[in-house]
């Protein structure tokens, strides 16, 4: 599943301001709510419920907050680079500055897991992560996020 199917150019935020994990999730929920026409509070509560199971901070300054929403018709992604890294209770204890929000329909099942795996694989690439951290340009970030590495082209 190409990331271009998950994320739109206007879903990339190169300088999101947040001073805490809660505030970052609120900001992401606010942006996502506007994009998909849903109540940001509903999205925020969904993200918080998932975080209670364990942090979505996967290490190396990256978090992939995600959740399922009723009556959502497709997978939706949003990417943000934080202005300043924040504590996200990550597995490795490192502060987070890159977040990829993934929202899925309640019945998404395997598609949700495939999308999470695709995002995680892309964000494990040190080159991509370095470039995402180096740019402040939303278009350049979108291009980096949606470029398909040769290893994934199959």
C-alpha atoms as a PDB file:
ATOM      1  CA  UNK A   1       0.000   0.000   0.000  1.00  0.00           C
ATOM      2  CA  UNK A   2       1.671   3.233  -1.132  1.00  0.00           C
ATOM      3  CA  UNK A   3       1.637   6.062   1.398  1.00  0.00           C
ATOM      4  CA  UNK A   4       0.218   8.338  -1.303  1.00  0.00           C
ATOM      5  CA  UNK A   5      -3.045   6.405  -0.746  1.00  0.00           C
ATOM      6  CA  UNK A   6      -3.014   7.419   2.932  1.00  0.00           C
ATOM      7  CA  UNK A   7      -1.837  10.999   3.025  1.00  0.00           C
ATOM      8  CA  UNK A   8      -2.732  14.140   1.080  1.00  0.00           C
ATOM      9  CA  UNK A   9      -0.385  17.082   0.446  1.00  0.00           C
ATOM     10  CA  UNK A  10      -2.422  19.252   2.852  1.00  0.00           C
ATOM     11  CA  UNK A  11      -1.985  16.642   5.608  1.00  0.00           C
ATOM     12  CA  UNK A  12       1.688  17.488   6.198  1.00  0.00           C
ATOM     13  CA  UNK A  13       2.592  19.914   8.974  1.00  0.00           C
ATOM     14  CA  UNK A  14       6.299  20.828   9.038  1.00  0.00           C
ATOM     15  CA  UNK A  15       6.342  22.924  12.242  1.00  0.00           C
ATOM     16  CA  UNK A  16       3.609  21.757  14.618  1.00  0.00           C
ATOM     17  CA  UNK A  17       3.752  23.346  18.070  1.00  0.00           C
ATOM     18  CA  UNK A  18       3.174  21.159  21.089  1.00  0.00           C
ATOM     19  CA  UNK A  19       4.796  21.093  24.507  1.00  0.00           C
ATOM     20  CA  UNK A  20       3.452  17.710  25.641  1.00  0.00           C
ATOM     21  CA  UNK A  21       2.202  14.380  24.330  1.00  0.00           C
ATOM     22  CA  UNK A  22      -1.388  15.335  25.170  1.00  0.00           C
ATOM     23  CA  UNK A  23      -1.084  18.662  23.365  1.00  0.00           C
ATOM     24  CA  UNK A  24       0.494  16.983  20.308  1.00  0.00           C
ATOM     25  CA  UNK A  25      -2.396  14.498  20.138  1.00  0.00           C
ATOM     26  CA  UNK A  26      -4.899  17.353  20.513  1.00  0.00           C
ATOM     27  CA  UNK A  27      -3.242  19.291  17.677  1.00  0.00           C
ATOM     28  CA  UNK A  28      -3.198  16.223  15.420  1.00  0.00           C
ATOM     29  CA  UNK A  29      -6.850  15.498  16.250  1.00  0.00           C
ATOM     30  CA  UNK A  30      -7.766  19.115  15.475  1.00  0.00           C
ATOM     31  CA  UNK A  31      -6.061  18.992  12.073  1.00  0.00           C
ATOM     32  CA  UNK A  32      -7.449  15.544  11.236  1.00  0.00           C
ATOM     33  CA  UNK A  33     -10.969  16.557  12.304  1.00  0.00           C
ATOM     34  CA  UNK A  34     -10.933  19.468   9.889  1.00  0.00           C
ATOM     35  CA  UNK A  35      -9.656  17.261   7.064  1.00  0.00           C
ATOM     36  CA  UNK A  36     -12.223  14.481   7.444  1.00  0.00           C
ATOM     37  CA  UNK A  37     -15.155  16.484   8.809  1.00  0.00           C
ATOM     38  CA  UNK A  38     -15.201  14.811  12.221  1.00  0.00           C
ATOM     39  CA  UNK A  39     -15.274  16.112  15.766  1.00  0.00           C
ATOM     40  CA  UNK A  40     -11.633  16.572  16.867  1.00  0.00           C
ATOM     41  CA  UNK A  41     -12.640  15.528  20.401  1.00  0.00           C
ATOM     42  CA  UNK A  42     -13.792  12.109  19.119  1.00  0.00           C
ATOM     43  CA  UNK A  43     -10.441  11.654  17.353  1.00  0.00           C
ATOM     44  CA  UNK A  44      -8.501  12.824  20.417  1.00  0.00           C
ATOM     45  CA  UNK A  45     -10.392  10.386  22.697  1.00  0.00           C
ATOM     46  CA  UNK A  46      -9.699   7.540  20.251  1.00  0.00           C
ATOM     47  CA  UNK A  47      -5.972   8.385  20.239  1.00  0.00           C
ATOM     48  CA  UNK A  48      -5.874   8.652  24.036  1.00  0.00           C
ATOM     49  CA  UNK A  49      -7.556   5.251  24.417  1.00  0.00           C
ATOM     50  CA  UNK A  50      -4.867   3.711  22.207  1.00  0.00           C
ATOM     51  CA  UNK A  51      -2.056   5.455  24.127  1.00  0.00           C
ATOM     52  CA  UNK A  52      -3.400   3.996  27.391  1.00  0.00           C
ATOM     53  CA  UNK A  53      -2.590   0.533  25.992  1.00  0.00           C
ATOM     54  CA  UNK A  54       1.034   1.610  25.516  1.00  0.00           C
ATOM     55  CA  UNK A  55       2.881   4.463  23.908  1.00  0.00           C
ATOM     56  CA  UNK A  56       2.882   4.666  20.119  1.00  0.00           C
ATOM     57  CA  UNK A  57       6.344   6.215  20.391  1.00  0.00           C
ATOM     58  CA  UNK A  58       8.299   3.590  18.442  1.00  0.00           C
ATOM     59  CA  UNK A  59      11.799   4.943  19.068  1.00  0.00           C
ATOM     60  CA  UNK A  60      14.344   7.131  17.301  1.00  0.00           C
ATOM     61  CA  UNK A  61      12.189  10.236  17.891  1.00  0.00           C
ATOM     62  CA  UNK A  62       9.198   8.789  16.011  1.00  0.00           C
ATOM     63  CA  UNK A  63       5.604   8.139  17.061  1.00  0.00           C
ATOM     64  CA  UNK A  64       2.765   6.578  15.081  1.00  0.00           C
ATOM     65  CA  UNK A  65      -0.418   7.441  16.978  1.00  0.00           C
ATOM     66  CA  UNK A  66      -3.376   5.569  15.521  1.00  0.00           C
ATOM     67  CA  UNK A  67      -6.936   4.508  16.101  1.00  0.00           C
ATOM     68  CA  UNK A  68     -10.156   3.321  14.522  1.00  0.00           C
ATOM     69  CA  UNK A  69     -13.210   5.500  13.998  1.00  0.00           C
ATOM     70  CA  UNK A  70     -16.792   4.475  13.318  1.00  0.00           C
ATOM     71  CA  UNK A  71     -18.224   5.611   9.980  1.00  0.00           C
ATOM     72  CA  UNK A  72     -14.833   6.508   8.526  1.00  0.00           C
ATOM     73  CA  UNK A  73     -14.806   5.361   4.905  1.00  0.00           C
ATOM     74  CA  UNK A  74     -11.055   5.015   4.293  1.00  0.00           C
ATOM     75  CA  UNK A  75      -7.640   5.045   5.947  1.00  0.00           C
ATOM     76  CA  UNK A  76      -6.392   8.578   6.588  1.00  0.00           C
ATOM     77  CA  UNK A  77      -2.863   9.685   7.412  1.00  0.00           C
ATOM     78  CA  UNK A  78      -1.371  12.919   8.680  1.00  0.00           C
ATOM     79  CA  UNK A  79       2.307  13.737   9.211  1.00  0.00           C
ATOM     80  CA  UNK A  80       3.769  16.334  11.555  1.00  0.00           C
ATOM     81  CA  UNK A  81       7.248  17.432  12.468  1.00  0.00           C
ATOM     82  CA  UNK A  82       7.249  19.090  15.868  1.00  0.00           C
ATOM     83  CA  UNK A  83       8.932  22.418  16.376  1.00  0.00           C
ATOM     84  CA  UNK A  84      10.614  20.970  19.483  1.00  0.00           C
ATOM     85  CA  UNK A  85      10.902  17.306  20.524  1.00  0.00           C
ATOM     86  CA  UNK A  86       8.605  16.205  23.372  1.00  0.00           C
ATOM     87  CA  UNK A  87       8.455  13.309  25.815  1.00  0.00           C
ATOM     88  CA  UNK A  88       6.137  10.688  24.302  1.00  0.00           C
ATOM     89  CA  UNK A  89       6.894   7.841  26.742  1.00  0.00           C
ATOM     90  CA  UNK A  90       8.634   6.079  23.839  1.00  0.00           C
ATOM     91  CA  UNK A  91      10.052   2.602  24.119  1.00  0.00           C
ATOM     92  CA  UNK A  92      13.617   3.935  23.927  1.00  0.00           C
ATOM     93  CA  UNK A  93      12.987   6.958  26.192  1.00  0.00           C
ATOM     94  CA  UNK A  94      13.944   9.396  23.399  1.00  0.00           C
ATOM     95  CA  UNK A  95      11.857  12.540  22.845  1.00  0.00           C
ATOM     96  CA  UNK A  96       9.657  12.533  19.731  1.00  0.00           C
ATOM     97  CA  UNK A  97       9.714  15.082  16.918  1.00  0.00           C
ATOM     98  CA  UNK A  98       8.159  13.119  14.013  1.00  0.00           C
ATOM     99  CA  UNK A  99       4.559  11.895  14.176  1.00  0.00           C
ATOM    100  CA  UNK A 100       2.516   9.979  11.639  1.00  0.00           C
ATOM    101  CA  UNK A 101      -1.150   9.838  12.618  1.00  0.00           C
ATOM    102  CA  UNK A 102      -3.147   6.983  11.129  1.00  0.00           C
ATOM    103  CA  UNK A 103      -6.932   6.770  11.381  1.00  0.00           C
ATOM    104  CA  UNK A 104      -8.766   3.710  10.120  1.00  0.00           C
ATOM    105  CA  UNK A 105     -12.377   2.625   9.670  1.00  0.00           C
ATOM    106  CA  UNK A 106     -13.612   0.360  12.482  1.00  0.00           C
ATOM    107  CA  UNK A 107     -13.762  -2.616  10.122  1.00  0.00           C
ATOM    108  CA  UNK A 108     -10.358  -2.001   8.499  1.00  0.00           C
ATOM    109  CA  UNK A 109      -8.758  -5.133   9.979  1.00  0.00           C
ATOM    110  CA  UNK A 110      -5.711  -6.205   7.981  1.00  0.00           C
ATOM    111  CA  UNK A 111      -5.627  -2.966   5.947  1.00  0.00           C
ATOM    112  CA  UNK A 112      -5.040  -0.999   9.156  1.00  0.00           C
ATOM    113  CA  UNK A 113      -2.155  -3.298  10.137  1.00  0.00           C
ATOM    114  CA  UNK A 114      -0.651  -3.183   6.627  1.00  0.00           C
ATOM    115  CA  UNK A 115      -0.779   0.604   6.662  1.00  0.00           C
ATOM    116  CA  UNK A 116       0.878   0.742  10.102  1.00  0.00           C
ATOM    117  CA  UNK A 117       3.591  -1.629   8.887  1.00  0.00           C
ATOM    118  CA  UNK A 118       4.151   0.470   5.751  1.00  0.00           C
ATOM    119  CA  UNK A 119       4.482   3.682   7.792  1.00  0.00           C
ATOM    120  CA  UNK A 120       6.824   2.006  10.294  1.00  0.00           C
ATOM    121  CA  UNK A 121       8.984   0.590   7.487  1.00  0.00           C
ATOM    122  CA  UNK A 122       9.286   3.990   5.804  1.00  0.00           C
ATOM    123  CA  UNK A 123      10.167   5.694   9.103  1.00  0.00           C
ATOM    124  CA  UNK A 124      12.848   3.098   9.869  1.00  0.00           C
ATOM    125  CA  UNK A 125      14.842   4.319   6.887  1.00  0.00           C
ATOM    126  CA  UNK A 126      17.586   6.571   8.357  1.00  0.00           C
ATOM    127  CA  UNK A 127      17.942   8.551   5.096  1.00  0.00           C
ATOM    128  CA  UNK A 128      14.246   9.394   4.931  1.00  0.00           C
ATOM    129  CA  UNK A 129      14.100  10.336   8.609  1.00  0.00           C
ATOM    130  CA  UNK A 130      17.171  12.564   8.311  1.00  0.00           C
ATOM    131  CA  UNK A 131      15.659  14.360   5.308  1.00  0.00           C
ATOM    132  CA  UNK A 132      12.291  14.782   7.059  1.00  0.00           C
ATOM    133  CA  UNK A 133      14.058  16.384  10.011  1.00  0.00           C
ATOM    134  CA  UNK A 134      16.159  18.630   7.773  1.00  0.00           C
ATOM    135  CA  UNK A 135      13.332  20.236   5.799  1.00  0.00           C
ATOM    136  CA  UNK A 136      10.701  22.768   6.840  1.00  0.00           C
ATOM    137  CA  UNK A 137       8.866  22.567   3.514  1.00  0.00           C
ATOM    138  CA  UNK A 138       5.535  20.696   3.501  1.00  0.00           C
ATOM    139  CA  UNK A 139       5.769  19.850  -0.230  1.00  0.00           C
ATOM    140  CA  UNK A 140       9.254  18.392   0.177  1.00  0.00           C
ATOM    141  CA  UNK A 141       8.064  16.350   3.178  1.00  0.00           C
ATOM    142  CA  UNK A 142       5.083  15.038   1.218  1.00  0.00           C
ATOM    143  CA  UNK A 143       7.401  13.999  -1.617  1.00  0.00           C
ATOM    144  CA  UNK A 144       9.696  12.192   0.831  1.00  0.00           C
ATOM    145  CA  UNK A 145       6.762  10.447   2.513  1.00  0.00           C
ATOM    146  CA  UNK A 146       5.217   9.238  -0.723  1.00  0.00           C
ATOM    147  CA  UNK A 147       8.364   8.249  -2.614  1.00  0.00           C
ATOM    148  CA  UNK A 148       8.390   4.475  -2.986  1.00  0.00           C
ATOM    149  CA  UNK A 149      11.827   3.012  -2.244  1.00  0.00           C
ATOM    150  CA  UNK A 150      12.992   0.421  -4.796  1.00  0.00           C
ATOM    151  CA  UNK A 151      12.797  -2.290  -2.115  1.00  0.00           C
ATOM    152  CA  UNK A 152       9.044  -1.669  -1.739  1.00  0.00           C
ATOM    153  CA  UNK A 153       8.231  -1.392  -5.437  1.00  0.00           C
ATOM    154  CA  UNK A 154       7.225  -5.044  -5.804  1.00  0.00           C
END
